[in-house]
N, C-alpha and C. Protein backbone atom coordinates (compact mmCIF):
# COMPACT_ATOMS: atom_id res chain seq x y z
N MET A 1 46.11 203.69 256.15
CA MET A 1 45.36 203.98 257.35
C MET A 1 46.29 204.75 258.27
N ILE A 2 45.79 205.81 258.85
CA ILE A 2 46.57 206.63 259.75
C ILE A 2 45.81 206.71 261.06
N ARG A 3 46.52 206.52 262.16
CA ARG A 3 45.89 206.57 263.47
C ARG A 3 46.82 207.33 264.40
N THR A 4 46.24 208.19 265.24
CA THR A 4 47.04 208.96 266.18
C THR A 4 46.46 208.80 267.58
N SER A 5 47.27 209.00 268.59
CA SER A 5 46.80 208.93 269.97
C SER A 5 47.20 210.19 270.71
N PHE A 6 46.27 210.78 271.41
CA PHE A 6 46.52 211.99 272.18
C PHE A 6 45.86 211.83 273.54
N ILE A 7 46.40 212.51 274.54
CA ILE A 7 45.83 212.47 275.89
C ILE A 7 44.62 213.40 275.98
N PHE A 8 44.58 214.42 275.16
CA PHE A 8 43.49 215.39 275.20
C PHE A 8 42.77 215.39 273.86
N PHE A 9 41.64 216.05 273.81
CA PHE A 9 40.79 216.05 272.63
C PHE A 9 41.19 217.19 271.67
N LEU A 10 41.33 216.86 270.40
CA LEU A 10 41.72 217.83 269.40
C LEU A 10 40.79 217.76 268.19
N ASP A 11 40.80 218.81 267.39
CA ASP A 11 40.14 218.81 266.09
C ASP A 11 41.25 218.64 265.06
N THR A 12 41.31 217.49 264.39
CA THR A 12 42.43 217.19 263.51
C THR A 12 41.98 216.68 262.14
N TYR A 13 42.89 216.75 261.19
CA TYR A 13 42.72 216.13 259.88
C TYR A 13 44.10 215.75 259.37
N VAL A 14 44.13 214.97 258.31
CA VAL A 14 45.39 214.57 257.70
C VAL A 14 45.47 215.20 256.31
N LYS A 15 46.59 215.86 256.04
CA LYS A 15 46.86 216.44 254.73
C LYS A 15 47.86 215.53 254.02
N VAL A 16 47.59 215.21 252.76
CA VAL A 16 48.49 214.39 251.94
C VAL A 16 48.89 215.23 250.74
N ALA A 17 50.20 215.36 250.53
CA ALA A 17 50.70 216.14 249.40
C ALA A 17 51.70 215.30 248.62
N MET A 18 51.65 215.42 247.30
CA MET A 18 52.59 214.72 246.43
C MET A 18 53.59 215.73 245.88
N PHE A 19 54.90 215.38 246.00
CA PHE A 19 55.98 216.26 245.57
C PHE A 19 56.84 215.57 244.52
N ASN A 20 57.40 216.35 243.60
CA ASN A 20 58.33 215.79 242.63
C ASN A 20 59.74 215.77 243.23
N SER A 21 60.72 215.36 242.44
CA SER A 21 62.08 215.18 242.95
C SER A 21 62.77 216.48 243.35
N ILE A 22 62.29 217.62 242.87
CA ILE A 22 62.90 218.89 243.26
C ILE A 22 62.06 219.64 244.31
N GLY A 23 61.08 218.96 244.88
CA GLY A 23 60.32 219.53 245.99
C GLY A 23 59.10 220.35 245.60
N GLN A 24 58.71 220.35 244.34
CA GLN A 24 57.52 221.08 243.94
C GLN A 24 56.29 220.24 244.25
N GLN A 25 55.28 220.88 244.84
CA GLN A 25 54.03 220.17 245.14
C GLN A 25 53.25 219.97 243.85
N LEU A 26 52.91 218.71 243.57
CA LEU A 26 52.17 218.37 242.36
C LEU A 26 50.68 218.27 242.60
N SER A 27 50.30 217.81 243.79
CA SER A 27 48.89 217.60 244.10
C SER A 27 48.74 217.51 245.62
N LYS A 28 47.52 217.71 246.11
CA LYS A 28 47.27 217.58 247.54
C LYS A 28 45.83 217.17 247.79
N SER A 29 45.58 216.64 248.97
CA SER A 29 44.25 216.24 249.38
C SER A 29 44.24 216.21 250.91
N LYS A 30 43.07 216.12 251.50
CA LYS A 30 43.01 216.01 252.95
C LYS A 30 41.77 215.23 253.38
N THR A 31 41.83 214.70 254.59
CA THR A 31 40.71 213.96 255.14
C THR A 31 39.66 214.93 255.66
N SER A 32 38.54 214.37 256.07
CA SER A 32 37.57 215.18 256.79
C SER A 32 38.10 215.42 258.20
N ILE A 33 37.57 216.42 258.87
CA ILE A 33 38.02 216.79 260.21
C ILE A 33 37.41 215.86 261.24
N ARG A 34 38.23 215.40 262.16
CA ARG A 34 37.78 214.61 263.30
C ARG A 34 37.73 215.57 264.48
N ARG A 35 36.51 215.85 264.94
CA ARG A 35 36.33 216.87 265.98
C ARG A 35 36.29 216.26 267.38
N SER A 36 37.04 216.88 268.28
CA SER A 36 37.05 216.54 269.71
C SER A 36 37.23 215.04 269.95
N MET A 37 38.21 214.47 269.28
CA MET A 37 38.46 213.04 269.44
C MET A 37 39.81 212.83 270.12
N CYS A 38 39.84 211.90 271.04
CA CYS A 38 41.07 211.56 271.76
C CYS A 38 41.96 210.66 270.92
N ASP A 39 41.37 209.75 270.16
CA ASP A 39 42.13 208.76 269.40
C ASP A 39 41.52 208.64 268.00
N PRO A 40 41.68 209.69 267.16
CA PRO A 40 41.01 209.68 265.86
C PRO A 40 41.61 208.64 264.91
N GLU A 41 40.78 208.10 264.05
CA GLU A 41 41.22 207.18 263.01
C GLU A 41 40.74 207.72 261.67
N TYR A 42 41.66 207.81 260.73
CA TYR A 42 41.35 208.36 259.40
C TYR A 42 41.37 207.21 258.42
N ASN A 43 40.23 206.65 258.16
CA ASN A 43 40.14 205.51 257.27
C ASN A 43 39.61 205.99 255.92
N GLU A 44 40.44 206.78 255.22
CA GLU A 44 40.04 207.37 253.95
C GLU A 44 41.04 207.01 252.86
N ASN A 45 40.58 207.00 251.63
CA ASN A 45 41.42 206.68 250.48
C ASN A 45 41.80 207.96 249.76
N PHE A 46 43.01 207.96 249.18
CA PHE A 46 43.48 209.08 248.39
C PHE A 46 43.87 208.56 247.01
N VAL A 47 43.49 209.28 245.98
CA VAL A 47 43.83 208.88 244.62
C VAL A 47 44.58 210.05 243.97
N PHE A 48 45.79 209.76 243.51
CA PHE A 48 46.59 210.75 242.79
C PHE A 48 46.90 210.17 241.42
N GLN A 49 46.76 210.97 240.39
CA GLN A 49 47.07 210.51 239.05
C GLN A 49 48.52 210.82 238.73
N ILE A 50 49.25 209.77 238.32
CA ILE A 50 50.65 209.94 237.95
C ILE A 50 51.01 208.86 236.96
N ILE A 51 51.89 209.17 236.04
CA ILE A 51 52.35 208.20 235.06
C ILE A 51 53.28 207.22 235.77
N GLU A 52 53.13 205.95 235.48
CA GLU A 52 53.85 204.89 236.21
C GLU A 52 55.37 205.10 236.22
N PHE A 53 55.94 205.52 235.10
CA PHE A 53 57.40 205.68 235.08
C PHE A 53 57.89 206.85 235.94
N GLU A 54 56.98 207.72 236.39
CA GLU A 54 57.36 208.83 237.27
C GLU A 54 57.31 208.46 238.75
N LEU A 55 56.76 207.29 239.08
CA LEU A 55 56.64 206.89 240.49
C LEU A 55 57.96 206.95 241.27
N PRO A 56 59.08 206.51 240.71
CA PRO A 56 60.33 206.58 241.48
C PRO A 56 60.79 207.99 241.83
N SER A 57 60.23 209.01 241.19
CA SER A 57 60.69 210.38 241.43
C SER A 57 59.74 211.21 242.30
N VAL A 58 58.66 210.61 242.81
CA VAL A 58 57.73 211.39 243.64
C VAL A 58 57.73 210.90 245.08
N SER A 59 57.26 211.77 245.96
CA SER A 59 57.09 211.46 247.38
C SER A 59 55.70 211.89 247.81
N LEU A 60 55.14 211.15 248.76
CA LEU A 60 53.89 211.55 249.41
C LEU A 60 54.21 211.94 250.83
N MET A 61 53.76 213.12 251.25
CA MET A 61 53.97 213.58 252.62
C MET A 61 52.62 213.62 253.32
N PHE A 62 52.53 212.93 254.46
CA PHE A 62 51.32 212.88 255.27
C PHE A 62 51.56 213.72 256.52
N SER A 63 50.70 214.71 256.76
CA SER A 63 50.82 215.58 257.93
C SER A 63 49.52 215.53 258.73
N VAL A 64 49.63 215.32 260.04
CA VAL A 64 48.46 215.40 260.91
C VAL A 64 48.40 216.82 261.43
N VAL A 65 47.27 217.48 261.19
CA VAL A 65 47.12 218.91 261.49
C VAL A 65 46.06 219.12 262.55
N ASN A 66 46.39 219.93 263.56
CA ASN A 66 45.46 220.32 264.61
C ASN A 66 44.92 221.70 264.28
N ILE A 67 43.58 221.83 264.31
CA ILE A 67 42.95 223.13 264.08
C ILE A 67 42.76 223.78 265.45
N LYS A 68 43.46 224.87 265.66
CA LYS A 68 43.36 225.58 266.93
C LYS A 68 42.32 226.70 266.83
N LYS A 69 42.12 227.39 267.93
CA LYS A 69 41.19 228.51 267.94
C LYS A 69 41.63 229.57 266.93
N MET A 70 40.69 230.33 266.46
CA MET A 70 40.93 231.41 265.51
C MET A 70 41.46 230.87 264.18
N ARG A 71 41.09 229.61 263.84
CA ARG A 71 41.43 228.99 262.56
C ARG A 71 42.94 228.80 262.35
N ARG A 72 43.72 228.87 263.44
CA ARG A 72 45.15 228.60 263.32
C ARG A 72 45.36 227.10 263.20
N LYS A 73 46.37 226.70 262.45
CA LYS A 73 46.65 225.29 262.22
C LYS A 73 48.06 224.97 262.70
N GLU A 74 48.20 223.78 263.26
CA GLU A 74 49.49 223.35 263.79
C GLU A 74 49.74 221.90 263.35
N ILE A 75 50.88 221.63 262.73
CA ILE A 75 51.20 220.26 262.35
C ILE A 75 51.68 219.52 263.59
N ILE A 76 51.00 218.41 263.90
CA ILE A 76 51.33 217.60 265.07
C ILE A 76 52.48 216.65 264.77
N GLY A 77 52.47 216.07 263.58
CA GLY A 77 53.50 215.14 263.16
C GLY A 77 53.33 214.81 261.70
N TRP A 78 54.32 214.10 261.14
CA TRP A 78 54.29 213.82 259.71
C TRP A 78 55.13 212.59 259.40
N PHE A 79 54.94 212.05 258.19
CA PHE A 79 55.85 211.05 257.62
C PHE A 79 55.77 211.16 256.11
N SER A 80 56.80 210.63 255.46
CA SER A 80 56.90 210.71 254.00
C SER A 80 57.24 209.34 253.44
N MET A 81 56.69 209.06 252.26
CA MET A 81 57.01 207.81 251.58
C MET A 81 57.18 208.07 250.10
N GLY A 82 57.96 207.23 249.44
CA GLY A 82 58.25 207.42 248.03
C GLY A 82 59.72 207.68 247.86
N ARG A 83 60.06 208.65 247.04
CA ARG A 83 61.47 208.98 246.79
C ARG A 83 62.18 209.38 248.08
N ASP A 84 61.53 210.16 248.90
CA ASP A 84 62.11 210.63 250.17
C ASP A 84 61.35 210.00 251.33
N ASN A 85 61.75 208.81 251.75
CA ASN A 85 61.10 208.10 252.85
C ASN A 85 61.63 208.60 254.19
N THR A 86 60.77 208.59 255.20
CA THR A 86 61.24 208.93 256.54
C THR A 86 61.79 207.72 257.28
N GLY A 87 61.64 206.52 256.71
CA GLY A 87 62.18 205.34 257.37
C GLY A 87 61.98 204.07 256.55
N GLU A 88 62.45 202.97 257.11
CA GLU A 88 62.36 201.68 256.42
C GLU A 88 60.92 201.20 256.25
N ASP A 89 60.07 201.46 257.25
CA ASP A 89 58.66 201.06 257.15
C ASP A 89 57.97 201.77 256.00
N GLU A 90 58.27 203.05 255.84
CA GLU A 90 57.66 203.82 254.75
C GLU A 90 58.18 203.34 253.39
N GLU A 91 59.46 203.01 253.33
CA GLU A 91 60.03 202.49 252.08
C GLU A 91 59.38 201.15 251.70
N ALA A 92 59.21 200.27 252.69
CA ALA A 92 58.58 198.97 252.45
C ALA A 92 57.12 199.14 252.01
N HIS A 93 56.40 200.07 252.63
CA HIS A 93 55.00 200.32 252.27
C HIS A 93 54.92 200.85 250.84
N TRP A 94 55.80 201.75 250.48
CA TRP A 94 55.81 202.31 249.13
C TRP A 94 56.02 201.20 248.09
N LYS A 95 56.99 200.34 248.33
CA LYS A 95 57.27 199.24 247.40
C LYS A 95 56.06 198.30 247.31
N GLU A 96 55.44 198.04 248.46
CA GLU A 96 54.25 197.17 248.49
C GLU A 96 53.11 197.78 247.66
N MET A 97 52.92 199.10 247.77
CA MET A 97 51.86 199.76 247.01
C MET A 97 52.13 199.70 245.51
N ILE A 98 53.38 199.90 245.11
CA ILE A 98 53.72 199.85 243.69
C ILE A 98 53.49 198.44 243.13
N GLU A 99 53.91 197.43 243.89
CA GLU A 99 53.73 196.05 243.45
C GLU A 99 52.27 195.64 243.42
N ALA A 100 51.43 196.29 244.21
CA ALA A 100 50.01 195.95 244.29
C ALA A 100 49.22 196.42 243.06
N LYS A 101 49.82 197.28 242.24
CA LYS A 101 49.19 197.75 240.99
C LYS A 101 47.76 198.27 241.20
N GLY A 102 47.59 199.20 242.14
CA GLY A 102 46.30 199.84 242.33
C GLY A 102 45.40 199.23 243.40
N GLN A 103 45.79 198.10 243.94
CA GLN A 103 45.01 197.50 245.03
C GLN A 103 45.37 198.19 246.35
N PRO A 104 44.40 198.42 247.23
CA PRO A 104 44.67 199.12 248.50
C PRO A 104 45.65 198.33 249.37
N ARG A 105 46.53 199.06 250.04
CA ARG A 105 47.47 198.50 251.00
C ARG A 105 47.45 199.39 252.24
N LYS A 106 47.30 198.77 253.41
CA LYS A 106 47.22 199.52 254.67
C LYS A 106 48.40 199.17 255.56
N ARG A 107 48.91 200.19 256.25
CA ARG A 107 49.97 200.02 257.25
C ARG A 107 49.88 201.16 258.25
N TRP A 108 50.36 200.90 259.45
CA TRP A 108 50.49 201.93 260.47
C TRP A 108 51.84 202.61 260.30
N HIS A 109 51.91 203.90 260.58
CA HIS A 109 53.17 204.64 260.49
C HIS A 109 53.34 205.51 261.72
N ILE A 110 54.58 205.64 262.15
CA ILE A 110 54.92 206.49 263.29
C ILE A 110 55.19 207.90 262.77
N LEU A 111 54.60 208.88 263.42
CA LEU A 111 54.78 210.26 263.01
C LEU A 111 56.12 210.80 263.50
N SER A 112 56.78 211.58 262.65
CA SER A 112 57.99 212.30 263.04
C SER A 112 57.57 213.59 263.71
N ALA A 113 58.34 214.01 264.68
CA ALA A 113 58.04 215.26 265.39
C ALA A 113 58.30 216.46 264.50
N VAL A 114 57.62 217.55 264.79
CA VAL A 114 57.79 218.80 264.07
C VAL A 114 58.64 219.72 264.94
N ASP A 115 59.73 220.23 264.37
CA ASP A 115 60.59 221.16 265.09
C ASP A 115 60.20 222.59 264.73
N TYR A 116 59.81 223.36 265.73
CA TYR A 116 59.43 224.76 265.48
C TYR A 116 60.54 225.67 265.85
């Protein structure tokens, strides 16, 4: 579950991408767009097919994207879990998901800032 808070209204979605250990994108997906929402909640499931023994070598990157005028897109924030975690919470969530053997696991995550 991903939740963001903003003072103003944005059109946003979440992009999820799976990467291998050398940074190649293996798969991607995204949520539906939340239009003109101050505090959007993305309660959507993502399914990626991967062989179990490859799990330690992949990462999932979650990016919250703002759709600006003229179809321009801007990443508001992001976090990563798996091989390349952005923090201890993401590492713990990843381990919990692997141990759950396909059962859904939900957690809140803090977005990292994007440096332009």
